[in-house]
PDB file of N, CA and C in Angstrom:
ATOM      1  N   MET A   1      14.227  23.284  33.239  1.00  0.00           N
ATOM      2  CA  MET A   1      13.830  21.955  33.717  1.00  0.00           C
ATOM      3  C   MET A   1      14.505  21.355  34.623  1.00  0.00           C
ATOM      4  N   THR A   2      13.682  20.680  35.802  1.00  0.00           N
ATOM      5  CA  THR A   2      14.340  19.932  36.740  1.00  0.00           C
ATOM      6  C   THR A   2      14.230  18.486  36.552  1.00  0.00           C
ATOM      7  N   THR A   3      15.279  17.709  36.761  1.00  0.00           N
ATOM      8  CA  THR A   3      15.323  16.115  36.782  1.00  0.00           C
ATOM      9  C   THR A   3      15.064  15.426  38.142  1.00  0.00           C
ATOM     10  N   THR A   4      14.358  14.807  38.146  1.00  0.00           N
ATOM     11  CA  THR A   4      14.045  13.926  39.772  1.00  0.00           C
ATOM     12  C   THR A   4      15.203  12.871  39.663  1.00  0.00           C
ATOM     13  N   ARG A   5      15.930  13.308  40.952  1.00  0.00           N
ATOM     14  CA  ARG A   5      16.915  12.236  41.210  1.00  0.00           C
ATOM     15  C   ARG A   5      16.301  10.852  41.959  1.00  0.00           C
ATOM     16  N   THR A   6      16.537  10.001  41.623  1.00  0.00           N
ATOM     17  CA  THR A   6      16.344   8.876  42.268  1.00  0.00           C
ATOM     18  C   THR A   6      17.059   7.561  42.627  1.00  0.00           C
ATOM     19  N   CYS A   7      16.976   6.900  43.674  1.00  0.00           N
ATOM     20  CA  CYS A   7      18.027   5.840  44.197  1.00  0.00           C
ATOM     21  C   CYS A   7      18.790   5.541  42.730  1.00  0.00           C
ATOM     22  N   SER A   8      17.887   4.712  42.047  1.00  0.00           N
ATOM     23  CA  SER A   8      18.511   3.989  40.841  1.00  0.00           C
ATOM     24  C   SER A   8      19.715   4.957  40.021  1.00  0.00           C
ATOM     25  N   ASP A   9      19.751   6.340  40.300  1.00  0.00           N
ATOM     26  CA  ASP A   9      20.565   7.215  39.715  1.00  0.00           C
ATOM     27  C   ASP A   9      21.946   7.292  40.455  1.00  0.00           C
ATOM     28  N   CYS A  10      21.866   6.806  41.616  1.00  0.00           N
ATOM     29  CA  CYS A  10      22.941   7.112  42.653  1.00  0.00           C
ATOM     30  C   CYS A  10      24.235   6.115  42.579  1.00  0.00           C
ATOM     31  N   LEU A  11      25.348   6.649  42.776  1.00  0.00           N
ATOM     32  CA  LEU A  11      26.279   5.469  42.750  1.00  0.00           C
ATOM     33  C   LEU A  11      26.224   4.503  44.053  1.00  0.00           C
ATOM     34  N   HIS A  12      25.785   5.035  44.736  1.00  0.00           N
ATOM     35  CA  HIS A  12      25.456   4.093  46.184  1.00  0.00           C
ATOM     36  C   HIS A  12      24.274   2.734  46.001  1.00  0.00           C
ATOM     37  N   TYR A  13      23.847   3.096  45.353  1.00  0.00           N
ATOM     38  CA  TYR A  13      22.532   1.999  45.010  1.00  0.00           C
ATOM     39  C   TYR A  13      22.998   0.646  44.216  1.00  0.00           C
ATOM     40  N   ARG A  14      22.441  -0.430  44.888  1.00  0.00           N
ATOM     41  CA  ARG A  14      22.732  -1.342  44.007  1.00  0.00           C
ATOM     42  C   ARG A  14      21.274  -2.183  43.960  1.00  0.00           C
ATOM     43  N   GLN A  15      21.192  -2.624  42.701  1.00  0.00           N
ATOM     44  CA  GLN A  15      20.081  -3.344  41.974  1.00  0.00           C
ATOM     45  C   GLN A  15      20.064  -4.293  42.407  1.00  0.00           C
ATOM     46  N   HIS A  16      18.668  -4.985  42.776  1.00  0.00           N
ATOM     47  CA  HIS A  16      18.505  -6.579  43.173  1.00  0.00           C
ATOM     48  C   HIS A  16      17.579  -7.360  41.968  1.00  0.00           C
ATOM     49  N   TYR A  17      18.211  -8.602  41.668  1.00  0.00           N
ATOM     50  CA  TYR A  17      17.645  -9.301  40.531  1.00  0.00           C
ATOM     51  C   TYR A  17      17.396 -10.490  41.093  1.00  0.00           C
ATOM     52  N   VAL A  18      16.139 -11.188  40.079  1.00  0.00           N
ATOM     53  CA  VAL A  18      15.951 -12.751  40.511  1.00  0.00           C
ATOM     54  C   VAL A  18      16.250 -13.307  39.437  1.00  0.00           C
ATOM     55  N   TYR A  19      16.397 -14.640  39.344  1.00  0.00           N
ATOM     56  CA  TYR A  19      16.830 -15.433  38.441  1.00  0.00           C
ATOM     57  C   TYR A  19      15.639 -16.491  38.162  1.00  0.00           C
ATOM     58  N   SER A  20      14.864 -15.971  36.893  1.00  0.00           N
ATOM     59  CA  SER A  20      13.820 -16.701  36.528  1.00  0.00           C
ATOM     60  C   SER A  20      13.740 -17.107  34.675  1.00  0.00           C
ATOM     61  N   CYS A  21      13.508 -18.454  34.536  1.00  0.00           N
ATOM     62  CA  CYS A  21      13.287 -18.668  33.253  1.00  0.00           C
ATOM     63  C   CYS A  21      14.676 -18.679  32.579  1.00  0.00           C
ATOM     64  N   GLY A  22      15.793 -19.062  33.387  1.00  0.00           N
ATOM     65  CA  GLY A  22      17.164 -18.951  32.781  1.00  0.00           C
ATOM     66  C   GLY A  22      18.077 -17.566  32.418  1.00  0.00           C
ATOM     67  N   ASP A  23      17.708 -16.723  33.349  1.00  0.00           N
ATOM     68  CA  ASP A  23      17.889 -15.405  33.170  1.00  0.00           C
ATOM     69  C   ASP A  23      17.804 -14.628  34.248  1.00  0.00           C
ATOM     70  N   TYR A  24      18.384 -13.451  34.469  1.00  0.00           N
ATOM     71  CA  TYR A  24      18.199 -12.649  35.502  1.00  0.00           C
ATOM     72  C   TYR A  24      17.386 -11.400  35.030  1.00  0.00           C
ATOM     73  N   HIS A  25      16.634 -11.099  35.914  1.00  0.00           N
ATOM     74  CA  HIS A  25      15.555 -10.039  35.651  1.00  0.00           C
ATOM     75  C   HIS A  25      15.598  -9.042  36.882  1.00  0.00           C
ATOM     76  N   LYS A  26      15.584  -7.549  36.744  1.00  0.00           N
ATOM     77  CA  LYS A  26      15.471  -6.429  37.626  1.00  0.00           C
ATOM     78  C   LYS A  26      14.592  -6.551  38.261  1.00  0.00           C
ATOM     79  N   ILE A  27      14.271  -6.424  39.881  1.00  0.00           N
ATOM     80  CA  ILE A  27      13.111  -5.895  40.540  1.00  0.00           C
ATOM     81  C   ILE A  27      13.002  -4.442  40.928  1.00  0.00           C
ATOM     82  N   LEU A  28      12.235  -4.378  41.409  1.00  0.00           N
ATOM     83  CA  LEU A  28      11.855  -2.934  42.058  1.00  0.00           C
ATOM     84  C   LEU A  28      12.294  -2.579  43.230  1.00  0.00           C
ATOM     85  N   TYR A  29      13.226  -3.258  43.762  1.00  0.00           N
ATOM     86  CA  TYR A  29      14.147  -2.621  44.980  1.00  0.00           C
ATOM     87  C   TYR A  29      15.305  -2.994  44.882  1.00  0.00           C
ATOM     88  N   GLY A  30      16.502  -2.316  45.730  1.00  0.00           N
ATOM     89  CA  GLY A  30      17.634  -2.859  45.768  1.00  0.00           C
ATOM     90  C   GLY A  30      18.017  -2.185  47.236  1.00  0.00           C
ATOM     91  N   HIS A  31      19.447  -2.066  47.099  1.00  0.00           N
ATOM     92  CA  HIS A  31      19.586  -1.563  48.464  1.00  0.00           C
ATOM     93  C   HIS A  31      20.537  -0.661  48.224  1.00  0.00           C
ATOM     94  N   CYS A  32      20.812   0.563  49.459  1.00  0.00           N
ATOM     95  CA  CYS A  32      21.720   1.581  49.584  1.00  0.00           C
ATOM     96  C   CYS A  32      23.224   1.374  50.369  1.00  0.00           C
ATOM     97  N   THR A  33      24.505   1.483  50.290  1.00  0.00           N
ATOM     98  CA  THR A  33      25.190   1.112  50.934  1.00  0.00           C
ATOM     99  C   THR A  33      25.999   2.387  51.656  1.00  0.00           C
ATOM    100  N   LYS A  34      25.148   3.596  51.585  1.00  0.00           N
ATOM    101  CA  LYS A  34      25.428   4.809  52.323  1.00  0.00           C
ATOM    102  C   LYS A  34      24.569   5.342  53.233  1.00  0.00           C
ATOM    103  N   PRO A  35      24.301   5.218  54.171  1.00  0.00           N
ATOM    104  CA  PRO A  35      25.759   5.274  55.208  1.00  0.00           C
ATOM    105  C   PRO A  35      25.407   3.705  55.867  1.00  0.00           C
ATOM    106  N   ARG A  36      24.565   2.875  55.773  1.00  0.00           N
ATOM    107  CA  ARG A  36      24.670   1.700  56.278  1.00  0.00           C
ATOM    108  C   ARG A  36      23.227   0.961  55.068  1.00  0.00           C
ATOM    109  N   LEU A  37      23.658  -0.171  55.065  1.00  0.00           N
ATOM    110  CA  LEU A  37      22.957  -1.173  54.260  1.00  0.00           C
ATOM    111  C   LEU A  37      21.262  -0.739  54.405  1.00  0.00           C
ATOM    112  N   ARG A  38      20.609  -0.559  53.243  1.00  0.00           N
ATOM    113  CA  ARG A  38      19.203  -0.470  53.977  1.00  0.00           C
ATOM    114  C   ARG A  38      18.064  -0.825  52.506  1.00  0.00           C
ATOM    115  N   LYS A  39      17.173  -1.350  52.333  1.00  0.00           N
ATOM    116  CA  LYS A  39      16.392  -1.270  51.381  1.00  0.00           C
ATOM    117  C   LYS A  39      15.868   0.087  50.661  1.00  0.00           C
ATOM    118  N   ARG A  40      15.727  -0.259  49.429  1.00  0.00           N
ATOM    119  CA  ARG A  40      15.473   1.359  48.969  1.00  0.00           C
ATOM    120  C   ARG A  40      14.692   0.876  47.406  1.00  0.00           C
ATOM    121  N   MET A  41      13.207   1.170  47.485  1.00  0.00           N
ATOM    122  CA  MET A  41      12.817   1.011  46.140  1.00  0.00           C
ATOM    123  C   MET A  41      13.677   1.970  45.011  1.00  0.00           C
ATOM    124  N   SER A  42      13.603   1.437  43.783  1.00  0.00           N
ATOM    125  CA  SER A  42      14.352   2.311  42.615  1.00  0.00           C
ATOM    126  C   SER A  42      14.369   3.472  42.261  1.00  0.00           C
ATOM    127  N   ASP A  43      12.889   3.779  42.432  1.00  0.00           N
ATOM    128  CA  ASP A  43      12.425   5.115  41.998  1.00  0.00           C
ATOM    129  C   ASP A  43      11.754   5.977  43.070  1.00  0.00           C
ATOM    130  N   ALA A  44      12.381   5.543  44.345  1.00  0.00           N
ATOM    131  CA  ALA A  44      12.338   6.341  45.830  1.00  0.00           C
ATOM    132  C   ALA A  44      13.393   7.809  45.464  1.00  0.00           C
ATOM    133  N   PRO A  45      12.614   8.877  45.648  1.00  0.00           N
ATOM    134  CA  PRO A  45      13.679  10.085  46.032  1.00  0.00           C
ATOM    135  C   PRO A  45      14.903   9.750  46.092  1.00  0.00           C
ATOM    136  N   ALA A  46      15.796  10.475  45.705  1.00  0.00           N
ATOM    137  CA  ALA A  46      17.454  10.139  46.430  1.00  0.00           C
ATOM    138  C   ALA A  46      17.467  10.897  47.630  1.00  0.00           C
ATOM    139  N   CYS A  47      17.973  10.218  48.764  1.00  0.00           N
ATOM    140  CA  CYS A  47      18.574  11.240  49.533  1.00  0.00           C
ATOM    141  C   CYS A  47      19.740  12.179  49.799  1.00  0.00           C
ATOM    142  N   GLN A  48      20.390  12.817  50.772  1.00  0.00           N
ATOM    143  CA  GLN A  48      21.438  13.681  50.830  1.00  0.00           C
ATOM    144  C   GLN A  48      22.707  13.226  50.680  1.00  0.00           C
ATOM    145  N   HIS A  49      22.633  11.999  50.606  1.00  0.00           N
ATOM    146  CA  HIS A  49      24.099  11.081  50.434  1.00  0.00           C
ATOM    147  C   HIS A  49      24.138  10.957  48.754  1.00  0.00           C
ATOM    148  N   PHE A  50      23.185  11.573  48.217  1.00  0.00           N
ATOM    149  CA  PHE A  50      23.120  11.258  46.442  1.00  0.00           C
ATOM    150  C   PHE A  50      24.455  11.623  45.708  1.00  0.00           C
ATOM    151  N   ASP A  51      25.268  10.601  45.032  1.00  0.00           N
ATOM    152  CA  ASP A  51      26.251  10.953  44.292  1.00  0.00           C
ATOM    153  C   ASP A  51      25.764  10.324  42.922  1.00  0.00           C
ATOM    154  N   PRO A  52      25.708  11.178  42.049  1.00  0.00           N
ATOM    155  CA  PRO A  52      25.520  10.878  40.673  1.00  0.00           C
ATOM    156  C   PRO A  52      26.382   9.542  39.749  1.00  0.00           C
ATOM    157  N   ILE A  53      25.858   8.627  39.321  1.00  0.00           N
ATOM    158  CA  ILE A  53      26.645   7.577  38.303  1.00  0.00           C
ATOM    159  C   ILE A  53      27.310   8.185  37.452  1.00  0.00           C
ATOM    160  N   THR A  54      28.678   7.814  37.347  1.00  0.00           N
ATOM    161  CA  THR A  54      29.452   8.374  36.029  1.00  0.00           C
ATOM    162  C   THR A  54      29.732   7.555  35.171  1.00  0.00           C
ATOM    163  N   PRO A  55      29.101   7.573  34.117  1.00  0.00           N
ATOM    164  CA  PRO A  55      29.421   6.369  32.821  1.00  0.00           C
ATOM    165  C   PRO A  55      30.704   5.691  33.096  1.00  0.00           C
ATOM    166  N   ARG A  56      31.143   4.661  32.800  1.00  0.00           N
ATOM    167  CA  ARG A  56      32.213   4.137  32.250  1.00  0.00           C
ATOM    168  C   ARG A  56      32.624   4.497  31.077  1.00  0.00           C
ATOM    169  N   GLU A  57      34.095   4.730  30.979  1.00  0.00           N
ATOM    170  CA  GLU A  57      34.599   4.810  29.654  1.00  0.00           C
ATOM    171  C   GLU A  57      34.515   3.633  28.943  1.00  0.00           C
ATOM    172  N   GLU A  58      34.410   3.713  27.799  1.00  0.00           N
ATOM    173  CA  GLU A  58      34.591   2.188  26.714  1.00  0.00           C
ATOM    174  C   GLU A  58      35.941   1.723  26.780  1.00  0.00           C
ATOM    175  N   LEU A  59      36.054   0.409  27.275  1.00  0.00           N
ATOM    176  CA  LEU A  59      37.004  -0.214  27.023  1.00  0.00           C
ATOM    177  C   LEU A  59      37.712  -0.601  25.916  1.00  0.00           C
ATOM    178  N   PRO A  60      38.904  -0.554  25.584  1.00  0.00           N
ATOM    179  CA  PRO A  60      39.178  -1.280  23.917  1.00  0.00           C
ATOM    180  C   PRO A  60      38.940  -2.754  24.200  1.00  0.00           C
ATOM    181  N   ARG A  61      38.556  -3.103  22.891  1.00  0.00           N
ATOM    182  CA  ARG A  61      38.322  -4.308  23.459  1.00  0.00           C
ATOM    183  C   ARG A  61      39.802  -5.446  22.685  1.00  0.00           C
ATOM    184  N   GLU A  62      40.157  -6.296  23.120  1.00  0.00           N
ATOM    185  CA  GLU A  62      41.108  -7.173  22.898  1.00  0.00           C
ATOM    186  C   GLU A  62      40.959  -7.924  21.529  1.00  0.00           C
ATOM    187  N   SER A  63      41.715  -8.327  20.555  1.00  0.00           N
ATOM    188  CA  SER A  63      41.836  -8.706  19.363  1.00  0.00           C
ATOM    189  C   SER A  63      41.703 -10.316  19.800  1.00  0.00           C
ATOM    190  N   LYS A  64      40.866 -10.715  18.677  1.00  0.00           N
ATOM    191  CA  LYS A  64      40.728 -12.201  19.301  1.00  0.00           C
ATOM    192  C   LYS A  64      41.577 -12.989  18.324  1.00  0.00           C
ATOM    193  N   THR A  65      42.694 -12.409  17.823  1.00  0.00           N
ATOM    194  CA  THR A  65      43.353 -13.169  16.868  1.00  0.00           C
ATOM    195  C   THR A  65      44.613 -13.572  17.752  1.00  0.00           C
ATOM    196  N   LYS A  66      44.724 -15.033  17.263  1.00  0.00           N
ATOM    197  CA  LYS A  66      46.317 -15.578  18.446  1.00  0.00           C
ATOM    198  C   LYS A  66      47.329 -14.867  18.067  1.00  0.00           C
ATOM    199  N   SER A  67      48.470 -14.884  19.043  1.00  0.00           N
ATOM    200  CA  SER A  67      49.605 -14.311  18.346  1.00  0.00           C
ATOM    201  C   SER A  67      50.534 -15.290  18.327  1.00  0.00           C
ATOM    202  N   PRO A  68      51.462 -15.044  17.721  1.00  0.00           N
ATOM    203  CA  PRO A  68      52.809 -15.813  17.156  1.00  0.00           C
ATOM    204  C   PRO A  68      53.130 -16.674  18.086  1.00  0.00           C
ATOM    205  N   ASN A  69      53.284 -16.145  19.517  1.00  0.00           N
ATOM    206  CA  ASN A  69      53.903 -17.107  20.265  1.00  0.00           C
ATOM    207  C   ASN A  69      53.104 -18.148  20.814  1.00  0.00           C
ATOM    208  N   SER A  70      52.037 -18.228  20.653  1.00  0.00           N
ATOM    209  CA  SER A  70      51.122 -19.218  21.459  1.00  0.00           C
ATOM    210  C   SER A  70      50.740 -20.451  20.897  1.00  0.00           C
TER     211      SER A  70
END
């Protein structure tokens, strides 16, 4: 099984959003930062500069209890 790599799966892709009805919504394009800024559709086939996105590790959440020194 082969998975098609797209711009939206790349580390260098920056998604664009619009602000509407009090919230941000994804639009169909963004831009690529490698090797220079250029518009790209999110579902476009990835180029030779493709680097896969690595998921961030979940950071531990801080406790919401007050410390005795505050």
